[in-house]
Amino acid sequence: MKKKTTGPRVVQIYSENNDFQYAETLKRKREKRLRERTFFVEGVRPINQALHYNWHIRAFLYARDKPLSDWATNILRNSQADIHYELPYTLQEKLSNKAEASELIALVAMPDDDLGRILVKEDFRAVIFDRPASPGNLGTIIRSCDALGVDAMIITGHSVDLYDPETISATTGSFFSLPIIRLLSQKELMPWIAAVKQQLGNVCIVGSDEKGDYELTEHDFTRPTLLVVGNETWGMSAAYRELCDTIVSIPMAGSASSLNVANATSILLYEIDRQRRARRQQ
């Protein structure tokens, strides 16, 4: 990416004017985020991760009447953002979701929902999450994907907003580390799955259910794997059940009849990673 030859444009905010309302509405409203293709990020680790993975920062907001830490000062000094908004600390407090206002708030550009962003390789593993309903669950699963070697996540159907600040916060920065693609439905995914199978050959599509065909440890996850995760309330749709090559279950003791979707997915991802590490050590 070609670096800018000039620094960011500095805009002074003194009141809850249009510039302030722009940032505040991006925080609150999904429709605004989608229309502007921009989302709201705060927190040291999320901003560090966004910069580390070269996401396009449209703007930084910070208080001009409160000393900044070395961390914030260095980020602003090296910033490639389009705009720097300077505002009173009282307005920074109003914008921030933190108990103590964040030093920096970033307005970040959304990437395209293009399956071409996904790098398909020999030991490929991806998660397909159909109609996630909880930002906390979605964010937790993204965090587990990052921790356990997943190459990509695909979200299908009507779902909670991927770019909701609560979702991003729940990922603790992992949001920025892997491609996450949103599609209207399973139908838009089918040509891509066919292309992945043609490229890799031995691909297995695996779903999870309490009445699975096998316990998860009995299935060979060392093959390229697409793991299908169903909606928190309704589970996998009939279309996804038909698409799966196999469905696995997680053995449970006690009186629990099921696991939270984020917990179940993390267990499945750990088993995938465990088997692959074991294979490499042989």
C-alpha atoms as a PDB file:
ATOM      1  CA  MET A   1       0.000   0.000   0.000  1.00  0.00           C
ATOM      2  CA  LYS A   2       1.386   3.394  -0.993  1.00  0.00           C
ATOM      3  CA  LYS A   3       1.954   5.644   1.999  1.00  0.00           C
ATOM      4  CA  LYS A   4       0.476   9.109   2.124  1.00  0.00           C
ATOM      5  CA  THR A   5       2.923  11.944   1.589  1.00  0.00           C
ATOM      6  CA  THR A   6       1.008  14.330   3.854  1.00  0.00           C
ATOM      7  CA  GLY A   7      -0.238  13.856   7.382  1.00  0.00           C
ATOM      8  CA  PRO A   8      -3.839  13.497   8.483  1.00  0.00           C
ATOM      9  CA  ARG A   9      -6.142  16.490   8.273  1.00  0.00           C
ATOM     10  CA  VAL A  10      -6.780  17.852  11.776  1.00  0.00           C
ATOM     11  CA  VAL A  11     -10.364  18.837  12.589  1.00  0.00           C
ATOM     12  CA  GLN A  12     -11.232  20.674  15.809  1.00  0.00           C
ATOM     13  CA  ILE A  13     -14.513  19.715  17.520  1.00  0.00           C
ATOM     14  CA  TYR A  14     -15.889  22.035  20.233  1.00  0.00           C
ATOM     15  CA  SER A  15     -19.491  20.866  20.542  1.00  0.00           C
ATOM     16  CA  GLU A  16     -21.794  17.983  19.627  1.00  0.00           C
ATOM     17  CA  ASN A  17     -21.684  19.093  15.999  1.00  0.00           C
ATOM     18  CA  ASN A  18     -22.009  17.044  12.805  1.00  0.00           C
ATOM     19  CA  ASP A  19     -18.536  15.531  13.137  1.00  0.00           C
ATOM     20  CA  PHE A  20     -19.249  14.438  16.703  1.00  0.00           C
ATOM     21  CA  GLN A  21     -22.663  13.070  15.710  1.00  0.00           C
ATOM     22  CA  TYR A  22     -21.057  11.148  12.844  1.00  0.00           C
ATOM     23  CA  ALA A  23     -18.804   9.204  15.229  1.00  0.00           C
ATOM     24  CA  GLU A  24     -21.502   8.802  17.876  1.00  0.00           C
ATOM     25  CA  THR A  25     -23.996   7.430  15.339  1.00  0.00           C
ATOM     26  CA  LEU A  26     -21.428   4.970  13.987  1.00  0.00           C
ATOM     27  CA  LYS A  27     -21.168   3.610  17.517  1.00  0.00           C
ATOM     28  CA  ARG A  28     -24.927   3.204  17.957  1.00  0.00           C
ATOM     29  CA  LYS A  29     -26.500   2.443  14.600  1.00  0.00           C
ATOM     30  CA  ARG A  30     -25.953  -0.552  12.378  1.00  0.00           C
ATOM     31  CA  GLU A  31     -27.565   1.179   9.400  1.00  0.00           C
ATOM     32  CA  LYS A  32     -25.112   4.074   9.635  1.00  0.00           C
ATOM     33  CA  ARG A  33     -22.131   1.717   9.824  1.00  0.00           C
ATOM     34  CA  LEU A  34     -23.309  -0.200   6.776  1.00  0.00           C
ATOM     35  CA  ARG A  35     -24.063   2.933   4.777  1.00  0.00           C
ATOM     36  CA  GLU A  36     -20.706   4.550   5.578  1.00  0.00           C
ATOM     37  CA  ARG A  37     -18.744   1.263   5.427  1.00  0.00           C
ATOM     38  CA  THR A  38     -17.075   2.442   8.646  1.00  0.00           C
ATOM     39  CA  PHE A  39     -17.136   1.188  12.229  1.00  0.00           C
ATOM     40  CA  PHE A  40     -16.194   2.324  15.727  1.00  0.00           C
ATOM     41  CA  VAL A  41     -13.224   0.832  17.617  1.00  0.00           C
ATOM     42  CA  GLU A  42     -11.697   1.631  20.995  1.00  0.00           C
ATOM     43  CA  GLY A  43      -9.273  -0.067  23.353  1.00  0.00           C
ATOM     44  CA  VAL A  44      -5.511  -0.478  23.276  1.00  0.00           C
ATOM     45  CA  ARG A  45      -5.366  -4.043  21.975  1.00  0.00           C
ATOM     46  CA  PRO A  46      -8.095  -3.679  19.295  1.00  0.00           C
ATOM     47  CA  ILE A  47      -6.443  -0.540  17.906  1.00  0.00           C
ATOM     48  CA  ASN A  48      -2.993  -2.154  18.034  1.00  0.00           C
ATOM     49  CA  GLN A  49      -4.342  -5.200  16.187  1.00  0.00           C
ATOM     50  CA  ALA A  50      -6.099  -3.070  13.568  1.00  0.00           C
ATOM     51  CA  LEU A  51      -2.815  -1.286  12.876  1.00  0.00           C
ATOM     52  CA  HIS A  52      -0.765  -4.493  12.962  1.00  0.00           C
ATOM     53  CA  TYR A  53      -2.992  -6.121  10.333  1.00  0.00           C
ATOM     54  CA  ASN A  54      -3.047  -2.985   8.159  1.00  0.00           C
ATOM     55  CA  TRP A  55      -6.728  -2.098   8.404  1.00  0.00           C
ATOM     56  CA  HIS A  56      -7.573   1.294   6.934  1.00  0.00           C
ATOM     57  CA  ILE A  57      -8.115   3.813   9.730  1.00  0.00           C
ATOM     58  CA  ARG A  58     -10.338   6.602   8.457  1.00  0.00           C
ATOM     59  CA  ALA A  59     -10.005   8.736  11.589  1.00  0.00           C
ATOM     60  CA  PHE A  60      -8.701   8.928  15.138  1.00  0.00           C
ATOM     61  CA  LEU A  61     -10.500  10.892  17.858  1.00  0.00           C
ATOM     62  CA  TYR A  62      -8.718  12.069  21.004  1.00  0.00           C
ATOM     63  CA  ALA A  63      -8.994  14.730  23.709  1.00  0.00           C
ATOM     64  CA  ARG A  64      -6.854  17.809  23.156  1.00  0.00           C
ATOM     65  CA  ASP A  65      -7.094  18.977  26.797  1.00  0.00           C
ATOM     66  CA  LYS A  66      -5.695  15.863  28.480  1.00  0.00           C
ATOM     67  CA  PRO A  67      -2.105  14.575  28.206  1.00  0.00           C
ATOM     68  CA  LEU A  68      -1.758  11.472  26.028  1.00  0.00           C
ATOM     69  CA  SER A  69       0.319   8.406  26.877  1.00  0.00           C
ATOM     70  CA  ASP A  70       3.404   7.465  24.887  1.00  0.00           C
ATOM     71  CA  TRP A  71       1.296   4.748  23.230  1.00  0.00           C
ATOM     72  CA  ALA A  72      -1.308   7.202  21.936  1.00  0.00           C
ATOM     73  CA  THR A  73       1.276   9.844  21.032  1.00  0.00           C
ATOM     74  CA  ASN A  74       3.300   7.380  18.962  1.00  0.00           C
ATOM     75  CA  ILE A  75       0.223   6.129  17.126  1.00  0.00           C
ATOM     76  CA  LEU A  76      -0.843   9.663  16.226  1.00  0.00           C
ATOM     77  CA  ARG A  77       2.695  10.636  15.221  1.00  0.00           C
ATOM     78  CA  ASN A  78       2.881   7.721  12.754  1.00  0.00           C
ATOM     79  CA  SER A  79      -0.778   7.791  11.755  1.00  0.00           C
ATOM     80  CA  GLN A  80      -1.841   7.193   8.164  1.00  0.00           C
ATOM     81  CA  ALA A  81      -5.459   8.058   8.979  1.00  0.00           C
ATOM     82  CA  ASP A  82      -7.369  10.483   6.798  1.00  0.00           C
ATOM     83  CA  ILE A  83      -8.489  12.709   9.684  1.00  0.00           C
ATOM     84  CA  HIS A  84      -7.569  13.431  13.291  1.00  0.00           C
ATOM     85  CA  TYR A  85     -10.463  14.798  15.338  1.00  0.00           C
ATOM     86  CA  GLU A  86      -9.430  16.804  18.392  1.00  0.00           C
ATOM     87  CA  LEU A  87     -12.199  17.339  20.940  1.00  0.00           C
ATOM     88  CA  PRO A  88     -12.713  18.230  24.601  1.00  0.00           C
ATOM     89  CA  TYR A  89     -12.283  15.392  27.087  1.00  0.00           C
ATOM     90  CA  THR A  90     -15.934  15.761  28.132  1.00  0.00           C
ATOM     91  CA  LEU A  91     -17.010  14.859  24.587  1.00  0.00           C
ATOM     92  CA  GLN A  92     -14.472  12.006  24.412  1.00  0.00           C
ATOM     93  CA  GLU A  93     -16.119  10.663  27.575  1.00  0.00           C
ATOM     94  CA  LYS A  94     -19.530  10.806  25.902  1.00  0.00           C
ATOM     95  CA  LEU A  95     -18.247   8.860  22.912  1.00  0.00           C
ATOM     96  CA  SER A  96     -16.387   6.178  24.823  1.00  0.00           C
ATOM     97  CA  ASN A  97     -18.006   2.949  26.014  1.00  0.00           C
ATOM     98  CA  LYS A  98     -15.359   2.559  28.730  1.00  0.00           C
ATOM     99  CA  ALA A  99     -15.692   3.425  32.421  1.00  0.00           C
ATOM    100  CA  GLU A 100     -12.734   5.752  31.883  1.00  0.00           C
ATOM    101  CA  ALA A 101     -12.736   7.299  28.428  1.00  0.00           C
ATOM    102  CA  SER A 102     -10.381   5.703  25.910  1.00  0.00           C
ATOM    103  CA  GLU A 103      -7.432   7.857  24.885  1.00  0.00           C
ATOM    104  CA  LEU A 104      -8.004   6.999  21.249  1.00  0.00           C
ATOM    105  CA  ILE A 105     -11.108   6.066  19.316  1.00  0.00           C
ATOM    106  CA  ALA A 106     -10.661   4.799  15.767  1.00  0.00           C
ATOM    107  CA  LEU A 107     -13.119   4.926  12.886  1.00  0.00           C
ATOM    108  CA  VAL A 108     -12.132   2.004  10.677  1.00  0.00           C
ATOM    109  CA  ALA A 109     -13.094   1.127   7.102  1.00  0.00           C
ATOM    110  CA  MET A 110     -14.987  -2.117   6.495  1.00  0.00           C
ATOM    111  CA  PRO A 111     -13.369  -4.475   3.982  1.00  0.00           C
ATOM    112  CA  ASP A 112     -15.462  -5.944   1.174  1.00  0.00           C
ATOM    113  CA  ASP A 113     -17.443  -9.112   1.840  1.00  0.00           C
ATOM    114  CA  ASP A 114     -15.466 -10.915  -0.834  1.00  0.00           C
ATOM    115  CA  LEU A 115     -14.701 -14.630  -0.484  1.00  0.00           C
ATOM    116  CA  GLY A 116     -11.572 -13.949  -2.522  1.00  0.00           C
ATOM    117  CA  ARG A 117     -10.056 -12.487   0.658  1.00  0.00           C
ATOM    118  CA  ILE A 118      -9.801 -16.029   2.057  1.00  0.00           C
ATOM    119  CA  LEU A 119      -6.509 -17.823   1.467  1.00  0.00           C
ATOM    120  CA  VAL A 120      -7.278 -21.510   0.841  1.00  0.00           C
ATOM    121  CA  LYS A 121      -4.320 -23.722   1.676  1.00  0.00           C
ATOM    122  CA  GLU A 122      -3.547 -27.391   2.176  1.00  0.00           C
ATOM    123  CA  ASP A 123      -4.468 -27.596   5.882  1.00  0.00           C
ATOM    124  CA  PHE A 124      -7.418 -25.217   5.483  1.00  0.00           C
ATOM    125  CA  ARG A 125      -9.961 -24.823   8.280  1.00  0.00           C
ATOM    126  CA  ALA A 126     -12.843 -22.347   8.359  1.00  0.00           C
ATOM    127  CA  VAL A 127     -15.946 -21.747  10.443  1.00  0.00           C
ATOM    128  CA  ILE A 128     -19.355 -21.122   8.874  1.00  0.00           C
ATOM    129  CA  PHE A 129     -21.679 -19.469  11.409  1.00  0.00           C
ATOM    130  CA  ASP A 130     -25.300 -19.376  10.305  1.00  0.00           C
ATOM    131  CA  ARG A 131     -27.504 -16.591  11.706  1.00  0.00           C
ATOM    132  CA  PRO A 132     -25.575 -15.716  14.902  1.00  0.00           C
ATOM    133  CA  ALA A 133     -27.872 -13.878  17.297  1.00  0.00           C
ATOM    134  CA  SER A 134     -25.576 -12.757  20.125  1.00  0.00           C
ATOM    135  CA  PRO A 135     -22.694 -10.290  19.728  1.00  0.00           C
ATOM    136  CA  GLY A 136     -21.014 -11.848  22.760  1.00  0.00           C
ATOM    137  CA  ASN A 137     -21.141 -15.360  21.292  1.00  0.00           C
ATOM    138  CA  LEU A 138     -19.994 -14.156  17.889  1.00  0.00           C
ATOM    139  CA  GLY A 139     -17.091 -12.227  19.394  1.00  0.00           C
ATOM    140  CA  THR A 140     -16.059 -15.152  21.587  1.00  0.00           C
ATOM    141  CA  ILE A 141     -16.048 -17.531  18.615  1.00  0.00           C
ATOM    142  CA  ILE A 142     -13.929 -15.096  16.597  1.00  0.00           C
ATOM    143  CA  ARG A 143     -11.481 -15.002  19.501  1.00  0.00           C
ATOM    144  CA  SER A 144     -11.361 -18.825  19.589  1.00  0.00           C
ATOM    145  CA  CYS A 145     -10.848 -18.923  15.818  1.00  0.00           C
ATOM    146  CA  ASP A 146      -7.815 -16.695  16.185  1.00  0.00           C
ATOM    147  CA  ALA A 147      -6.407 -18.706  19.105  1.00  0.00           C
ATOM    148  CA  LEU A 148      -6.899 -22.102  17.451  1.00  0.00           C
ATOM    149  CA  GLY A 149      -5.579 -21.590  13.957  1.00  0.00           C
ATOM    150  CA  VAL A 150      -8.754 -20.996  11.925  1.00  0.00           C
ATOM    151  CA  ASP A 151      -8.133 -19.419   8.521  1.00  0.00           C
ATOM    152  CA  ALA A 152     -11.466 -17.651   8.044  1.00  0.00           C
ATOM    153  CA  MET A 153     -15.035 -17.232   9.262  1.00  0.00           C
ATOM    154  CA  ILE A 154     -18.111 -16.925   7.070  1.00  0.00           C
ATOM    155  CA  ILE A 155     -21.392 -15.587   8.456  1.00  0.00           C
ATOM    156  CA  THR A 156     -24.595 -16.361   6.577  1.00  0.00           C
ATOM    157  CA  GLY A 157     -28.179 -15.212   6.902  1.00  0.00           C
ATOM    158  CA  HIS A 158     -29.784 -12.476   8.986  1.00  0.00           C
ATOM    159  CA  SER A 159     -27.569 -12.044  12.017  1.00  0.00           C
ATOM    160  CA  VAL A 160     -26.299  -9.778  14.729  1.00  0.00           C
ATOM    161  CA  ASP A 161     -24.039  -7.047  13.369  1.00  0.00           C
ATOM    162  CA  LEU A 162     -20.452  -8.212  12.944  1.00  0.00           C
ATOM    163  CA  TYR A 163     -19.337  -4.581  13.376  1.00  0.00           C
ATOM    164  CA  ASP A 164     -21.291  -3.872  16.556  1.00  0.00           C
ATOM    165  CA  PRO A 165     -18.884  -2.444  19.195  1.00  0.00           C
ATOM    166  CA  GLU A 166     -20.014  -5.202  21.568  1.00  0.00           C
ATOM    167  CA  THR A 167     -18.996  -7.873  19.046  1.00  0.00           C
ATOM    168  CA  ILE A 168     -15.617  -6.251  18.459  1.00  0.00           C
ATOM    169  CA  SER A 169     -15.023  -5.803  22.176  1.00  0.00           C
ATOM    170  CA  ALA A 170     -15.779  -9.487  22.822  1.00  0.00           C
ATOM    171  CA  THR A 171     -13.008 -10.493  20.392  1.00  0.00           C
ATOM    172  CA  THR A 172     -10.352  -8.588  22.435  1.00  0.00           C
ATOM    173  CA  GLY A 173      -8.608  -7.619  19.187  1.00  0.00           C
ATOM    174  CA  SER A 174      -8.791 -10.997  17.431  1.00  0.00           C
ATOM    175  CA  PHE A 175     -11.409  -9.477  15.121  1.00  0.00           C
ATOM    176  CA  PHE A 176      -8.668  -7.978  12.969  1.00  0.00           C
ATOM    177  CA  SER A 177      -6.557 -11.123  12.568  1.00  0.00           C
ATOM    178  CA  LEU A 178      -8.626 -13.209  10.159  1.00  0.00           C
ATOM    179  CA  PRO A 179     -10.961 -12.602   7.217  1.00  0.00           C
ATOM    180  CA  ILE A 180     -14.644 -12.617   8.197  1.00  0.00           C
ATOM    181  CA  ILE A 181     -17.098 -12.568   5.315  1.00  0.00           C
ATOM    182  CA  ARG A 182     -20.850 -11.914   5.516  1.00  0.00           C
ATOM    183  CA  LEU A 183     -23.225 -13.498   2.995  1.00  0.00           C
ATOM    184  CA  LEU A 184     -26.978 -13.211   2.604  1.00  0.00           C
ATOM    185  CA  SER A 185     -27.581 -16.952   2.723  1.00  0.00           C
ATOM    186  CA  GLN A 186     -26.112 -20.399   2.265  1.00  0.00           C
ATOM    187  CA  LYS A 187     -26.841 -20.202  -1.477  1.00  0.00           C
ATOM    188  CA  GLU A 188     -24.167 -17.529  -2.011  1.00  0.00           C
ATOM    189  CA  LEU A 189     -21.649 -19.883  -0.391  1.00  0.00           C
ATOM    190  CA  MET A 190     -22.167 -22.898  -2.638  1.00  0.00           C
ATOM    191  CA  PRO A 191     -19.971 -21.865  -5.626  1.00  0.00           C
ATOM    192  CA  TRP A 192     -17.104 -21.065  -3.258  1.00  0.00           C
ATOM    193  CA  ILE A 193     -17.416 -24.452  -1.501  1.00  0.00           C
ATOM    194  CA  ALA A 194     -17.365 -26.167  -4.889  1.00  0.00           C
ATOM    195  CA  ALA A 195     -14.193 -24.241  -5.815  1.00  0.00           C
ATOM    196  CA  VAL A 196     -12.511 -25.150  -2.499  1.00  0.00           C
ATOM    197  CA  LYS A 197     -13.329 -28.821  -3.047  1.00  0.00           C
ATOM    198  CA  GLN A 198     -11.943 -28.659  -6.546  1.00  0.00           C
ATOM    199  CA  GLN A 199      -8.740 -27.011  -5.286  1.00  0.00           C
ATOM    200  CA  LEU A 200      -8.145 -29.211  -2.227  1.00  0.00           C
ATOM    201  CA  GLY A 201     -10.040 -32.381  -3.068  1.00  0.00           C
ATOM    202  CA  ASN A 202     -10.470 -34.075   0.293  1.00  0.00           C
ATOM    203  CA  VAL A 203     -12.578 -31.425   2.084  1.00  0.00           C
ATOM    204  CA  CYS A 204     -14.989 -32.367   4.878  1.00  0.00           C
ATOM    205  CA  ILE A 205     -17.970 -30.248   5.927  1.00  0.00           C
ATOM    206  CA  VAL A 206     -18.706 -30.972   9.590  1.00  0.00           C
ATOM    207  CA  GLY A 207     -21.692 -29.911  11.664  1.00  0.00           C
ATOM    208  CA  SER A 208     -22.299 -30.254  15.382  1.00  0.00           C
ATOM    209  CA  ASP A 209     -25.379 -31.562  17.175  1.00  0.00           C
ATOM    210  CA  GLU A 210     -26.143 -33.414  20.407  1.00  0.00           C
ATOM    211  CA  LYS A 211     -27.353 -36.302  18.235  1.00  0.00           C
ATOM    212  CA  GLY A 212     -24.347 -36.447  15.943  1.00  0.00           C
ATOM    213  CA  ASP A 213     -23.153 -39.394  13.885  1.00  0.00           C
ATOM    214  CA  TYR A 214     -19.902 -39.632  15.901  1.00  0.00           C
ATOM    215  CA  GLU A 215     -18.334 -38.170  18.998  1.00  0.00           C
ATOM    216  CA  LEU A 216     -15.939 -35.416  17.977  1.00  0.00           C
ATOM    217  CA  THR A 217     -12.799 -37.395  18.946  1.00  0.00           C
ATOM    218  CA  GLU A 218     -13.840 -40.224  16.575  1.00  0.00           C
ATOM    219  CA  HIS A 219     -13.817 -37.974  13.528  1.00  0.00           C
ATOM    220  CA  ASP A 220     -10.668 -37.290  11.479  1.00  0.00           C
ATOM    221  CA  PHE A 221     -10.228 -33.521  11.559  1.00  0.00           C
ATOM    222  CA  THR A 222      -6.809 -33.585   9.908  1.00  0.00           C
ATOM    223  CA  ARG A 223      -8.460 -33.160   6.504  1.00  0.00           C
ATOM    224  CA  PRO A 224      -9.300 -29.648   5.254  1.00  0.00           C
ATOM    225  CA  THR A 225     -12.410 -28.810   7.271  1.00  0.00           C
ATOM    226  CA  LEU A 226     -15.382 -26.471   7.070  1.00  0.00           C
ATOM    227  CA  LEU A 227     -17.035 -26.425  10.498  1.00  0.00           C
ATOM    228  CA  VAL A 228     -20.705 -25.391  10.438  1.00  0.00           C
ATOM    229  CA  VAL A 229     -22.073 -23.654  13.543  1.00  0.00           C
ATOM    230  CA  GLY A 230     -25.820 -23.194  13.900  1.00  0.00           C
ATOM    231  CA  ASN A 231     -27.959 -20.441  15.382  1.00  0.00           C
ATOM    232  CA  GLU A 232     -28.019 -20.270  19.194  1.00  0.00           C
ATOM    233  CA  THR A 233     -31.727 -21.119  19.409  1.00  0.00           C
ATOM    234  CA  TRP A 234     -32.505 -23.178  16.314  1.00  0.00           C
ATOM    235  CA  GLY A 235     -29.186 -24.862  15.578  1.00  0.00           C
ATOM    236  CA  MET A 236     -28.251 -25.783  12.028  1.00  0.00           C
ATOM    237  CA  SER A 237     -30.804 -25.229   9.298  1.00  0.00           C
ATOM    238  CA  ALA A 238     -32.079 -28.145   7.220  1.00  0.00           C
ATOM    239  CA  ALA A 239     -30.063 -26.832   4.276  1.00  0.00           C
ATOM    240  CA  TYR A 240     -26.832 -26.953   6.258  1.00  0.00           C
ATOM    241  CA  ARG A 241     -27.616 -30.389   7.668  1.00  0.00           C
ATOM    242  CA  GLU A 242     -27.983 -31.655   4.128  1.00  0.00           C
ATOM    243  CA  LEU A 243     -24.735 -29.981   3.135  1.00  0.00           C
ATOM    244  CA  CYS A 244     -22.691 -31.571   5.937  1.00  0.00           C
ATOM    245  CA  ASP A 245     -20.654 -34.704   5.223  1.00  0.00           C
ATOM    246  CA  THR A 246     -20.921 -35.669   8.885  1.00  0.00           C
ATOM    247  CA  ILE A 247     -22.287 -34.354  12.167  1.00  0.00           C
ATOM    248  CA  VAL A 248     -20.363 -34.777  15.406  1.00  0.00           C
ATOM    249  CA  SER A 249     -21.432 -34.522  19.033  1.00  0.00           C
ATOM    250  CA  ILE A 250     -19.671 -33.423  22.203  1.00  0.00           C
ATOM    251  CA  PRO A 251     -20.059 -35.975  25.011  1.00  0.00           C
ATOM    252  CA  MET A 252     -21.465 -34.431  28.183  1.00  0.00           C
ATOM    253  CA  ALA A 253     -21.977 -35.524  31.763  1.00  0.00           C
ATOM    254  CA  GLY A 254     -24.339 -34.075  34.332  1.00  0.00           C
ATOM    255  CA  SER A 255     -27.798 -32.708  33.661  1.00  0.00           C
ATOM    256  CA  ALA A 256     -26.897 -30.263  30.866  1.00  0.00           C
ATOM    257  CA  SER A 257     -28.638 -31.067  27.588  1.00  0.00           C
ATOM    258  CA  SER A 258     -26.543 -28.706  25.469  1.00  0.00           C
ATOM    259  CA  LEU A 259     -23.679 -26.223  25.531  1.00  0.00           C
ATOM    260  CA  ASN A 260     -23.567 -22.538  24.738  1.00  0.00           C
ATOM    261  CA  VAL A 261     -22.652 -22.186  21.048  1.00  0.00           C
ATOM    262  CA  ALA A 262     -19.424 -20.320  21.814  1.00  0.00           C
ATOM    263  CA  ASN A 263     -18.332 -23.000  24.295  1.00  0.00           C
ATOM    264  CA  ALA A 264     -19.232 -25.824  21.920  1.00  0.00           C
ATOM    265  CA  THR A 265     -17.434 -24.213  18.997  1.00  0.00           C
ATOM    266  CA  SER A 266     -14.308 -23.621  21.073  1.00  0.00           C
ATOM    267  CA  ILE A 267     -14.267 -27.297  22.090  1.00  0.00           C
ATOM    268  CA  LEU A 268     -14.630 -28.381  18.457  1.00  0.00           C
ATOM    269  CA  LEU A 269     -11.882 -26.012  17.312  1.00  0.00           C
ATOM    270  CA  TYR A 270      -9.585 -27.275  20.044  1.00  0.00           C
ATOM    271  CA  GLU A 271     -10.136 -30.869  18.895  1.00  0.00           C
ATOM    272  CA  ILE A 272      -9.374 -29.898  15.288  1.00  0.00           C
ATOM    273  CA  ASP A 273      -6.174 -28.200  16.396  1.00  0.00           C
ATOM    274  CA  ARG A 274      -5.234 -31.042  18.783  1.00  0.00           C
ATOM    275  CA  GLN A 275      -5.494 -33.671  16.057  1.00  0.00           C
ATOM    276  CA  ARG A 276      -3.440 -31.604  13.615  1.00  0.00           C
ATOM    277  CA  ARG A 277      -0.707 -30.952  16.172  1.00  0.00           C
ATOM    278  CA  ALA A 278      -0.613 -34.666  16.961  1.00  0.00           C
ATOM    279  CA  ARG A 279      -0.306 -35.488  13.254  1.00  0.00           C
ATOM    280  CA  ARG A 280       2.605 -33.077  12.823  1.00  0.00           C
ATOM    281  CA  GLN A 281       4.432 -34.652  15.764  1.00  0.00           C
ATOM    282  CA  GLN A 282       4.247 -38.180  14.338  1.00  0.00           C
END
